[in-house]
Protein backbone atom coordinates (compact mmCIF):
# COMPACT_ATOMS: atom_id res chain seq x y z
CA UNK A 1 -25.89 -34.36 -8.56
CA UNK A 2 -25.31 -31.72 -5.89
CA UNK A 3 -21.55 -32.31 -6.00
CA UNK A 4 -21.57 -31.82 -9.78
CA UNK A 5 -23.44 -28.51 -9.46
CA UNK A 6 -21.05 -27.27 -6.78
CA UNK A 7 -18.08 -28.25 -8.91
CA UNK A 8 -19.42 -26.36 -11.95
CA UNK A 9 -20.17 -23.30 -9.81
CA UNK A 10 -16.63 -23.37 -8.43
CA UNK A 11 -15.19 -23.53 -11.97
CA UNK A 12 -17.35 -20.61 -13.06
CA UNK A 13 -16.22 -18.60 -10.06
CA UNK A 14 -12.57 -19.37 -10.79
CA UNK A 15 -12.99 -17.93 -14.26
CA UNK A 16 -13.55 -14.49 -12.75
CA UNK A 17 -10.73 -14.42 -10.17
CA UNK A 18 -7.89 -13.33 -12.47
CA UNK A 19 -9.95 -10.64 -14.30
CA UNK A 20 -11.08 -9.22 -10.96
CA UNK A 21 -7.50 -9.12 -9.64
CA UNK A 22 -6.34 -7.50 -12.88
CA UNK A 23 -9.01 -4.79 -12.74
CA UNK A 24 -8.33 -4.14 -9.06
CA UNK A 25 -4.60 -3.80 -9.74
CA UNK A 26 -5.37 -1.44 -12.63
CA UNK A 27 -7.41 0.75 -10.30
CA UNK A 28 -5.00 0.75 -7.37
CA UNK A 29 -1.40 0.41 -8.60
CA UNK A 30 -1.19 3.48 -10.89
CA UNK A 31 -2.31 5.65 -7.96
CA UNK A 32 0.08 4.01 -5.49
CA UNK A 33 3.01 4.22 -7.90
CA UNK A 34 2.03 7.71 -9.09
CA UNK A 35 2.19 6.57 -12.72
CA UNK A 36 1.58 9.38 -15.26
CA UNK A 37 -1.80 9.13 -16.99
CA UNK A 38 -0.19 9.37 -20.42
CA UNK A 39 1.49 6.02 -19.69
CA UNK A 40 -1.37 4.15 -17.99
CA UNK A 41 -4.79 5.83 -18.18
CA UNK A 42 -7.18 5.13 -15.33
CA UNK A 43 -9.76 2.39 -15.64
CA UNK A 44 -12.57 4.95 -15.56
CA UNK A 45 -10.97 6.95 -18.40
CA UNK A 46 -10.65 3.85 -20.59
CA UNK A 47 -14.21 2.77 -19.76
CA UNK A 48 -15.52 6.21 -20.71
CA UNK A 49 -13.49 6.12 -23.92
CA UNK A 50 -14.85 2.66 -24.73
CA UNK A 51 -18.45 3.82 -24.28
CA UNK A 52 -17.74 6.87 -26.41
CA UNK A 53 -16.12 4.71 -29.09
CA UNK A 54 -19.27 2.60 -29.31
CA UNK A 55 -22.07 5.12 -28.81
CA UNK A 56 -20.44 8.51 -29.32
CA UNK A 57 -21.91 9.66 -26.00
CA UNK A 58 -19.15 12.07 -24.95
CA UNK A 59 -17.56 13.10 -28.27
CA UNK A 60 -14.09 12.67 -26.79
CA UNK A 61 -12.33 12.19 -30.12
CA UNK A 62 -12.77 11.88 -33.86
CA UNK A 63 -13.48 8.18 -33.31
CA UNK A 64 -16.64 8.78 -31.26
CA UNK A 65 -19.35 6.34 -32.32
CA UNK A 66 -17.16 4.69 -34.96
CA UNK A 67 -16.67 1.34 -33.26
CA UNK A 68 -18.99 -0.66 -35.49
CA UNK A 69 -17.62 0.63 -38.79
CA UNK A 70 -14.03 -0.02 -37.70
CA UNK A 71 -14.87 -3.39 -36.16
CA UNK A 72 -16.72 -4.41 -39.33
CA UNK A 73 -13.75 -3.48 -41.52
CA UNK A 74 -11.37 -5.49 -39.29
CA UNK A 75 -13.75 -8.44 -39.07
CA UNK A 76 -14.06 -8.61 -42.86
CA UNK A 77 -10.26 -8.79 -43.24
CA UNK A 78 -9.97 -11.46 -40.55
CA UNK A 79 -12.75 -13.63 -42.02
CA UNK A 80 -11.38 -13.48 -45.57
CA UNK A 81 -7.82 -14.14 -44.41
CA UNK A 82 -8.96 -16.99 -42.15
CA UNK A 83 -10.98 -18.65 -44.91
CA UNK A 84 -8.02 -18.52 -47.29
CA UNK A 85 -5.64 -19.86 -44.66
CA UNK A 86 -8.14 -22.48 -43.50
CA UNK A 87 -8.83 -23.93 -46.93
CA UNK A 88 -5.17 -24.01 -48.00
CA UNK A 89 -3.84 -25.09 -44.60
CA UNK A 90 -6.28 -27.95 -44.12
CA UNK A 91 -5.96 -29.14 -47.72
CA UNK A 92 -2.16 -29.08 -47.73
CA UNK A 93 -2.02 -30.59 -44.24
CA UNK A 94 -4.27 -33.52 -45.18
CA UNK A 95 -2.43 -34.22 -48.42
CA UNK A 96 1.02 -33.94 -46.81
CA UNK A 97 -0.05 -36.06 -43.84
CA UNK A 98 -1.45 -38.87 -45.98
CA UNK A 99 0.82 -38.90 -49.02
CA UNK A 100 4.51 -39.15 -48.16
CA UNK A 101 5.70 -37.86 -51.52
CA UNK A 102 3.63 -34.69 -51.18
CA UNK A 103 5.06 -34.12 -47.71
CA UNK A 104 8.61 -34.59 -49.03
CA UNK A 105 7.85 -32.22 -51.88
CA UNK A 106 6.24 -29.33 -50.00
CA UNK A 107 6.90 -29.66 -46.25
CA UNK A 108 10.57 -28.54 -46.18
CA UNK A 109 9.79 -25.44 -48.27
CA UNK A 110 6.75 -24.54 -46.13
CA UNK A 111 8.83 -24.71 -42.96
CA UNK A 112 11.52 -22.51 -44.52
CA UNK A 113 8.88 -19.90 -45.34
CA UNK A 114 7.45 -20.29 -41.83
CA UNK A 115 10.74 -19.08 -40.35
CA UNK A 116 10.30 -15.64 -41.90
CA UNK A 117 8.62 -13.41 -39.29
CA UNK A 118 5.40 -11.66 -40.20
CA UNK A 119 7.03 -8.25 -40.05
CA UNK A 120 9.51 -9.50 -42.67
CA UNK A 121 6.67 -9.86 -45.17
CA UNK A 122 5.42 -6.35 -44.50
CA UNK A 123 7.64 -4.44 -46.99
CA UNK A 124 7.19 -6.87 -49.87
CA UNK A 125 3.43 -7.05 -49.26
CA UNK A 126 3.28 -3.27 -49.56
CA UNK A 127 5.13 -3.49 -52.90
CA UNK A 128 2.90 -6.26 -54.21
CA UNK A 129 -0.50 -5.07 -53.03
CA UNK A 130 -0.09 -1.44 -51.99
CA UNK A 131 -2.19 0.18 -49.27
CA UNK A 132 -5.56 -1.40 -48.58
CA UNK A 133 -7.37 -4.62 -47.83
CA UNK A 134 -5.19 -6.85 -49.99
CA UNK A 135 -2.04 -6.30 -47.96
CA UNK A 136 -3.82 -6.90 -44.66
CA UNK A 137 -5.60 -10.01 -45.90
CA UNK A 138 -2.34 -11.38 -47.32
CA UNK A 139 -0.49 -10.93 -44.01
CA UNK A 140 -3.38 -12.37 -41.99
CA UNK A 141 -3.80 -15.39 -44.27
CA UNK A 142 -0.07 -16.08 -44.46
CA UNK A 143 0.37 -16.00 -40.68
CA UNK A 144 -2.69 -18.17 -40.01
CA UNK A 145 -1.77 -20.76 -42.65
CA UNK A 146 1.18 -22.21 -40.74
CA UNK A 147 -0.48 -23.29 -37.45
CA UNK A 148 -3.41 -24.70 -39.42
CA UNK A 149 -1.13 -26.63 -41.76
CA UNK A 150 1.18 -27.95 -39.03
CA UNK A 151 -1.67 -29.13 -36.78
CA UNK A 152 -3.54 -30.73 -39.66
CA UNK A 153 -0.42 -32.51 -40.88
CA UNK A 154 0.31 -33.83 -37.39
CA UNK A 155 -3.29 -34.92 -36.83
CA UNK A 156 -3.44 -36.86 -40.12
CA UNK A 157 0.02 -38.38 -39.59
CA UNK A 158 -1.02 -39.63 -36.14
CA UNK A 159 -4.02 -41.60 -37.43
CA UNK A 160 -3.60 -45.27 -36.53
CA UNK A 161 -2.05 -46.95 -39.57
CA UNK A 162 -3.69 -50.25 -38.62
CA UNK A 163 -7.11 -48.69 -39.26
CA UNK A 164 -5.99 -47.54 -42.69
CA UNK A 165 -4.53 -50.96 -43.51
CA UNK A 166 -7.77 -52.69 -42.46
CA UNK A 167 -9.71 -50.37 -44.73
CA UNK A 168 -7.44 -51.19 -47.65
CA UNK A 169 -7.73 -54.93 -46.96
CA UNK A 170 -11.52 -54.64 -46.97
CA UNK A 171 -11.30 -53.00 -50.39
CA UNK A 172 -12.10 -49.42 -49.43
CA UNK A 173 -11.12 -46.79 -51.97
CA UNK A 174 -8.77 -43.91 -51.17
CA UNK A 175 -11.71 -41.50 -50.98
CA UNK A 176 -13.60 -43.84 -48.64
CA UNK A 177 -10.59 -44.19 -46.37
CA UNK A 178 -10.25 -40.43 -46.30
CA UNK A 179 -13.94 -39.88 -45.43
CA UNK A 180 -14.50 -42.73 -42.99
CA UNK A 181 -11.13 -43.12 -41.25
CA UNK A 182 -8.70 -40.25 -41.68
CA UNK A 183 -10.97 -37.22 -41.39
CA UNK A 184 -12.97 -38.46 -38.37
CA UNK A 185 -9.80 -39.54 -36.56
CA UNK A 186 -7.93 -36.28 -37.24
CA UNK A 187 -10.85 -33.86 -36.82
CA UNK A 188 -9.91 -32.82 -33.29
CA UNK A 189 -6.36 -31.89 -34.31
CA UNK A 190 -7.61 -30.00 -37.36
CA UNK A 191 -10.00 -28.03 -35.16
CA UNK A 192 -7.17 -27.13 -32.79
CA UNK A 193 -5.18 -25.79 -35.72
CA UNK A 194 -8.13 -23.73 -36.91
CA UNK A 195 -8.57 -22.19 -33.45
CA UNK A 196 -4.89 -21.32 -33.32
CA UNK A 197 -5.14 -19.89 -36.81
CA UNK A 198 -8.07 -17.69 -35.83
CA UNK A 199 -6.08 -16.29 -32.91
CA UNK A 200 -3.15 -15.54 -35.19
CA UNK A 201 -5.50 -13.76 -37.61
CA UNK A 202 -6.45 -11.20 -34.97
CA UNK A 203 -2.83 -10.82 -33.89
CA UNK A 204 -1.62 -10.05 -37.41
CA UNK A 205 -4.62 -7.89 -38.19
CA UNK A 206 -2.98 -4.98 -36.36
CA UNK A 207 0.22 -5.36 -38.37
CA UNK A 208 -1.73 -5.40 -41.62
CA UNK A 209 -3.79 -2.36 -40.71
CA UNK A 210 -0.69 -0.32 -39.96
CA UNK A 211 -0.27 0.01 -43.73
CA UNK A 212 -2.47 3.09 -43.77
CA UNK A 213 -5.99 1.75 -44.34
CA UNK A 214 -8.80 4.19 -43.64
CA UNK A 215 -10.82 2.00 -41.27
CA UNK A 216 -10.07 -0.78 -38.83
CA UNK A 217 -9.17 -1.20 -35.17
CA UNK A 218 -5.48 -1.43 -36.02
CA UNK A 219 -5.69 1.80 -38.01
CA UNK A 220 -7.33 3.55 -35.06
CA UNK A 221 -4.54 2.26 -32.79
CA UNK A 222 -1.90 3.67 -35.14
CA UNK A 223 -3.58 7.07 -35.37
CA UNK A 224 -4.04 7.15 -31.59
CA UNK A 225 -0.36 6.42 -31.04
CA UNK A 226 0.64 9.31 -33.26
CA UNK A 227 -1.77 11.60 -31.41
CA UNK A 228 -0.65 10.39 -27.99
CA UNK A 229 -4.14 9.09 -27.18
CA UNK A 230 -3.10 6.15 -25.00
CA UNK A 231 -6.56 5.41 -23.64
CA UNK A 232 -7.82 4.93 -27.20
CA UNK A 233 -5.00 2.47 -27.89
CA UNK A 234 -6.11 0.42 -24.89
CA UNK A 235 -9.75 0.64 -25.99
CA UNK A 236 -8.78 -0.84 -29.38
CA UNK A 237 -6.73 -3.55 -27.69
CA UNK A 238 -9.74 -4.51 -25.56
CA UNK A 239 -11.99 -4.45 -28.63
CA UNK A 240 -9.70 -6.81 -30.53
CA UNK A 241 -9.50 -9.11 -27.50
CA UNK A 242 -13.27 -9.33 -27.18
CA UNK A 243 -13.86 -9.84 -30.91
CA UNK A 244 -11.15 -12.47 -31.04
CA UNK A 245 -12.68 -14.29 -28.08
CA UNK A 246 -16.15 -14.16 -29.64
CA UNK A 247 -14.88 -15.74 -32.85
CA UNK A 248 -12.99 -18.36 -30.84
CA UNK A 249 -16.18 -19.26 -28.97
CA UNK A 250 -18.09 -19.47 -32.25
CA UNK A 251 -15.52 -21.89 -33.65
CA UNK A 252 -15.52 -23.88 -30.43
CA UNK A 253 -19.32 -24.08 -30.54
CA UNK A 254 -19.24 -25.37 -34.11
CA UNK A 255 -16.60 -27.95 -33.22
CA UNK A 256 -18.57 -29.15 -30.19
CA UNK A 257 -21.65 -29.64 -32.35
CA UNK A 258 -19.61 -31.80 -34.72
CA UNK A 259 -17.58 -33.74 -32.15
CA UNK A 260 -18.99 -33.08 -28.66
CA UNK A 261 -17.25 -36.11 -27.12
CA UNK A 262 -13.74 -34.97 -28.09
CA UNK A 263 -13.89 -31.21 -27.39
CA UNK A 264 -14.33 -29.98 -23.85
């Protein structure tokens, strides 16, 4: 019991080593290398900007106290895009993984589309949807669809065919096989795809919000770049990182509740 506690404590401590080294390097290296503040703002400047962004304590910029409104706008776009990508990606992945003719019909075309980089969809999305939520949600959903689809397809394809054959021999219907064999056996792989998809959503959020939307962390980053406010850019980067991690932990918590033995 004591060894287990010590082991868990050591793991928890290891989680903090790299962040501590990173923060220490951020504090020391810019001073040692005499790096201009417009390139790498000091840690204290970014921390002050972050506090001001949340609470508006110092009124350092036009974004003082606007964190929650911008974070809410970005979160809405991520959630909607993720739900669209999740439903379509899981559905298409399951169907393509189980039915060979559906895979032969759709899989080659999906992988061709997957080769187009996200930035390549940017101009046509602007033409189709204009400036606003629709363009951002489209880009987020499109980017997240592919890892969800690919992981789901692979997870379903890897299900032991002997289990499926036994189910058929015992007279199980296609829907019963799907519910009792395929979905439980492929759930871990599907969850991995959803987690990857959620990460991609936050990555492509910034691209989508560069279209000129009024609110959003990506929009604040774009405005800050044009104004030369580098510390605000870093503040938005940190905000996106924390929000993305929170959503990842929420997904992981849901998955562990469903399949605690398979997800560590």
